Structures are given as C-alpha cells and as structure tokens.
C-alpha cells in the first residue's frame, strides 16, 4: 500500500509539473502574442509612408500646425492612439486656444477607453470654444456636454443636469441626451 502511495504521489507531482509547464508555456505565448500585436502596430505606423513624410516635414518645421494636424489624423486612421495623443498634445501646446485639439484628444482618450482623461479633455474643449465659434461647433459641443454629463451622473447629479441641458440646447433631437436628461430628473 505504501508503494502505491509513493507511485501516486510521483504521478501527481509529474502531472502538476506538466500542467505548470503547459500553463507557463501558454502565458509565454500570450505575452509574445500581445507584444507581437503591439510591435506590428508600431511597425505599421512607422512603415506608413504618409506618417513618415509628415514626421520629416515636422522635423524640418516643428511649428507647421497644418502638418501636425495631418500627422495626428494619420495616426488616428492607423489606430495608433499613443502617436495621435502625443501629436494632439503638441498641437495644444503650440495653439493652446485652438479648441479642436482638445476635442481630438478627448476622442483619442475615449478610443483608448480612458474616460477620466476624455472627460477632462472634453471640458477643456468646452472652455476653449469661443463665442464666435459656437455655431460651427454645435454638434461637437452637444456631444462633449453629453459625455461630461454621462460621466458626472453618479458623482455630481446637479453638474450632470447642467451639462445635459447644454447638450440639448446644441442638439435638441439627440435621443441619447434626451434619455439621460429624463434619467437625471428622477
């Protein structure tokens, strides 16, 4: 009986080692797959001729705001969110009162599933829109206010109500904003 116990213990130990090795191997494969996907994305944007040409253009003239906007947009199209974000931040540094750079940063943060930073960027956008630019920015302002209201609904209901009211002022037919407004009235 004692011999069977030793054999069963050895089998259990071998099985545990085998399963551990398989799990370790799987973890290594997962890590490599993730790294490969990230590397492919970076290489894809590095090999993108439009992005490379724009980067060279900006190297030659670091204040070329038109090229910076085109580069940020190219990064977004390639779904290189880090590249897009850094480029939009550079644009905001060069032109701190240009509202679209903050809206674009918010879009990128949302794409990265970073709602806290998206909310802050939308708030900067709202504050940066000049009165003479309101008409041209109505749709974006409606969305920015909606997003901020949505983020505030659990923590600051009164602020959320103010933002959703502004959202509906800019886009009174937005069904999602109307639903949120009704919810906040409860």
Protein backbone atom coordinates (compact mmCIF):
# COMPACT_ATOMS: atom_id res chain seq x y z
CA UNK A 1 0.00 0.00 0.00
CA UNK A 2 2.85 2.34 0.88
CA UNK A 3 4.47 1.68 -2.54
CA UNK A 4 1.19 2.62 -4.34
CA UNK A 5 1.02 5.85 -2.33
CA UNK A 6 4.55 6.78 -3.41
CA UNK A 7 3.76 5.97 -7.05
CA UNK A 8 0.53 8.00 -6.93
CA UNK A 9 2.41 10.91 -5.32
CA UNK A 10 5.02 10.76 -8.07
CA UNK A 11 2.28 10.70 -10.73
CA UNK A 12 0.57 13.68 -9.10
CA UNK A 13 3.86 15.57 -8.94
CA UNK A 14 4.67 14.81 -12.59
CA UNK A 15 1.15 15.85 -13.60
CA UNK A 16 1.46 19.10 -11.63
CA UNK A 17 4.81 19.84 -13.19
CA UNK A 18 3.43 19.09 -16.65
CA UNK A 19 0.36 21.29 -16.13
CA UNK A 20 2.53 24.03 -14.69
CA UNK A 21 4.79 23.86 -17.72
CA UNK A 22 1.79 23.99 -20.03
CA UNK A 23 0.38 26.99 -18.15
CA UNK A 24 3.76 28.70 -18.18
CA UNK A 25 4.09 27.99 -21.90
CA UNK A 26 0.60 29.37 -22.52
CA UNK A 27 1.41 32.51 -20.51
CA UNK A 28 4.58 32.97 -22.54
CA UNK A 29 2.63 32.54 -25.78
CA UNK A 30 0.04 35.10 -24.64
CA UNK A 31 2.77 37.58 -23.71
CA UNK A 32 4.53 37.07 -27.04
CA UNK A 33 1.25 37.45 -28.94
CA UNK A 34 0.48 40.71 -27.14
CA UNK A 35 3.99 42.03 -27.75
CA UNK A 36 3.79 40.96 -31.40
CA UNK A 37 0.49 42.81 -31.89
CA UNK A 38 1.89 45.96 -30.26
CA UNK A 39 5.06 45.74 -32.34
CA UNK A 40 3.04 45.21 -35.51
CA UNK A 41 1.00 48.35 -34.76
CA UNK A 42 4.14 50.42 -34.16
CA UNK A 43 5.83 48.98 -37.25
CA UNK A 44 2.66 49.59 -39.26
CA UNK A 45 2.68 53.27 -38.39
CA UNK A 46 6.45 53.51 -38.82
CA UNK A 47 6.17 51.99 -42.29
CA UNK A 48 3.23 54.19 -43.24
CA UNK A 49 4.67 56.49 -45.93
CA UNK A 50 2.22 59.31 -45.14
CA UNK A 51 3.15 59.27 -41.45
CA UNK A 52 6.85 59.12 -42.22
CA UNK A 53 6.61 62.02 -44.69
CA UNK A 54 4.67 64.13 -42.19
CA UNK A 55 7.17 63.35 -39.43
CA UNK A 56 10.01 64.54 -41.69
CA UNK A 57 8.05 67.65 -42.61
CA UNK A 58 7.54 68.45 -38.92
CA UNK A 59 11.22 67.77 -38.18
CA UNK A 60 12.07 70.42 -40.77
CA UNK A 61 9.49 72.86 -39.35
CA UNK A 62 8.33 71.94 -35.81
CA UNK A 63 5.72 74.73 -35.85
CA UNK A 64 3.94 73.57 -39.02
CA UNK A 65 0.49 73.25 -37.45
CA UNK A 66 -1.11 72.02 -40.66
CA UNK A 67 1.35 69.11 -40.86
CA UNK A 68 0.86 68.38 -37.15
CA UNK A 69 -2.91 68.10 -37.61
CA UNK A 70 -2.42 65.85 -40.65
CA UNK A 71 0.01 63.66 -38.67
CA UNK A 72 -2.37 63.34 -35.72
CA UNK A 73 -5.18 62.41 -38.11
CA UNK A 74 -2.96 59.86 -39.88
CA UNK A 75 -2.10 58.29 -36.52
CA UNK A 76 -5.82 58.10 -35.70
CA UNK A 77 -6.57 56.49 -39.05
CA UNK A 78 -3.87 53.91 -38.29
CA UNK A 79 -5.35 53.46 -34.79
CA UNK A 80 -2.01 54.42 -33.26
CA UNK A 81 -3.66 56.10 -30.29
CA UNK A 82 -0.42 56.93 -28.47
CA UNK A 83 1.02 58.64 -31.53
CA UNK A 84 -2.23 60.51 -32.12
CA UNK A 85 -2.47 61.63 -28.50
CA UNK A 86 1.10 62.91 -28.35
CA UNK A 87 0.63 64.76 -31.62
CA UNK A 88 -2.65 66.38 -30.50
CA UNK A 89 -0.96 67.40 -27.24
CA UNK A 90 1.83 69.02 -29.25
CA UNK A 91 -0.80 70.90 -31.22
CA UNK A 92 -2.45 72.09 -27.99
CA UNK A 93 0.94 73.34 -26.78
CA UNK A 94 1.51 75.30 -29.97
CA UNK A 95 -2.04 76.68 -30.10
CA UNK A 96 -3.49 76.43 -26.58
CA UNK A 97 -6.68 78.29 -27.51
CA UNK A 98 -7.48 76.09 -30.54
CA UNK A 99 -10.46 74.07 -29.29
CA UNK A 100 -10.39 71.22 -31.86
CA UNK A 101 -7.12 69.88 -30.45
CA UNK A 102 -8.85 69.23 -27.10
CA UNK A 103 -11.85 67.61 -28.78
CA UNK A 104 -9.48 65.37 -30.71
CA UNK A 105 -7.58 64.46 -27.55
CA UNK A 106 -10.89 63.50 -25.94
CA UNK A 107 -11.73 61.31 -28.94
CA UNK A 108 -8.37 59.56 -28.66
CA UNK A 109 -8.75 59.06 -24.90
CA UNK A 110 -12.19 57.57 -25.50
CA UNK A 111 -10.75 55.25 -28.12
CA UNK A 112 -8.19 54.18 -25.52
CA UNK A 113 -11.05 53.57 -23.04
CA UNK A 114 -9.67 56.28 -20.71
CA UNK A 115 -12.91 58.02 -19.77
CA UNK A 116 -11.45 60.15 -16.97
CA UNK A 117 -8.96 61.85 -19.28
CA UNK A 118 -11.55 62.01 -22.05
CA UNK A 119 -13.86 63.91 -19.69
CA UNK A 120 -11.09 66.37 -18.80
CA UNK A 121 -10.24 66.92 -22.47
CA UNK A 122 -13.92 67.50 -23.35
CA UNK A 123 -14.13 70.03 -20.51
CA UNK A 124 -11.07 71.84 -21.94
CA UNK A 125 -12.71 71.77 -25.35
CA UNK A 126 -15.95 73.26 -23.98
CA UNK A 127 -13.99 76.02 -22.26
CA UNK A 128 -11.84 76.73 -25.34
CA UNK A 129 -14.69 77.25 -27.83
CA UNK A 130 -15.00 80.99 -28.44
CA UNK A 131 -18.46 82.60 -28.70
CA UNK A 132 -17.92 83.35 -32.39
CA UNK A 133 -17.18 79.64 -32.97
CA UNK A 134 -20.34 78.30 -31.27
CA UNK A 135 -22.37 77.87 -34.45
CA UNK A 136 -19.65 75.85 -36.20
CA UNK A 137 -19.11 73.67 -33.12
CA UNK A 138 -22.70 72.89 -32.10
CA UNK A 139 -22.59 69.14 -32.81
CA UNK A 140 -19.23 68.67 -31.10
CA UNK A 141 -20.30 70.80 -28.14
CA UNK A 142 -23.51 68.78 -27.83
CA UNK A 143 -21.51 65.56 -27.69
CA UNK A 144 -18.87 66.97 -25.32
CA UNK A 145 -21.54 68.15 -22.87
CA UNK A 146 -23.35 64.80 -23.19
CA UNK A 147 -20.16 62.86 -22.44
CA UNK A 148 -19.33 65.03 -19.42
CA UNK A 149 -22.92 64.72 -18.13
CA UNK A 150 -22.79 60.95 -18.55
CA UNK A 151 -19.54 60.77 -16.59
CA UNK A 152 -20.93 63.00 -13.82
CA UNK A 153 -24.32 61.34 -13.42
CA UNK A 154 -23.26 59.23 -10.44
CA UNK A 155 -20.93 61.67 -8.70
CA UNK A 156 -22.46 65.12 -9.29
CA UNK A 157 -26.05 64.96 -10.48
CA UNK A 158 -26.53 68.75 -10.49
CA UNK A 159 -23.49 69.34 -12.71
CA UNK A 160 -24.65 66.48 -14.94
CA UNK A 161 -28.05 68.18 -15.30
CA UNK A 162 -26.38 71.43 -16.37
CA UNK A 163 -24.24 69.68 -18.97
CA UNK A 164 -27.11 67.66 -20.39
CA UNK A 165 -29.24 70.81 -20.64
CA UNK A 166 -26.46 72.47 -22.67
CA UNK A 167 -26.12 69.36 -24.80
CA UNK A 168 -29.81 69.52 -25.64
CA UNK A 169 -29.51 73.24 -26.38
CA UNK A 170 -26.96 72.46 -29.08
CA UNK A 171 -28.68 69.29 -30.35
CA UNK A 172 -32.31 69.13 -29.16
CA UNK A 173 -33.08 65.97 -31.17
CA UNK A 174 -30.33 63.78 -29.68
CA UNK A 175 -32.21 60.73 -28.38
CA UNK A 176 -29.42 59.59 -26.04
CA UNK A 177 -29.17 63.05 -24.48
CA UNK A 178 -32.95 63.12 -24.01
CA UNK A 179 -32.83 59.73 -22.26
CA UNK A 180 -30.04 60.89 -19.96
CA UNK A 181 -31.94 64.09 -19.20
CA UNK A 182 -35.03 62.11 -18.23
CA UNK A 183 -32.94 59.78 -16.08
CA UNK A 184 -31.32 62.72 -14.27
CA UNK A 185 -34.75 64.22 -13.50
CA UNK A 186 -35.74 61.15 -11.47
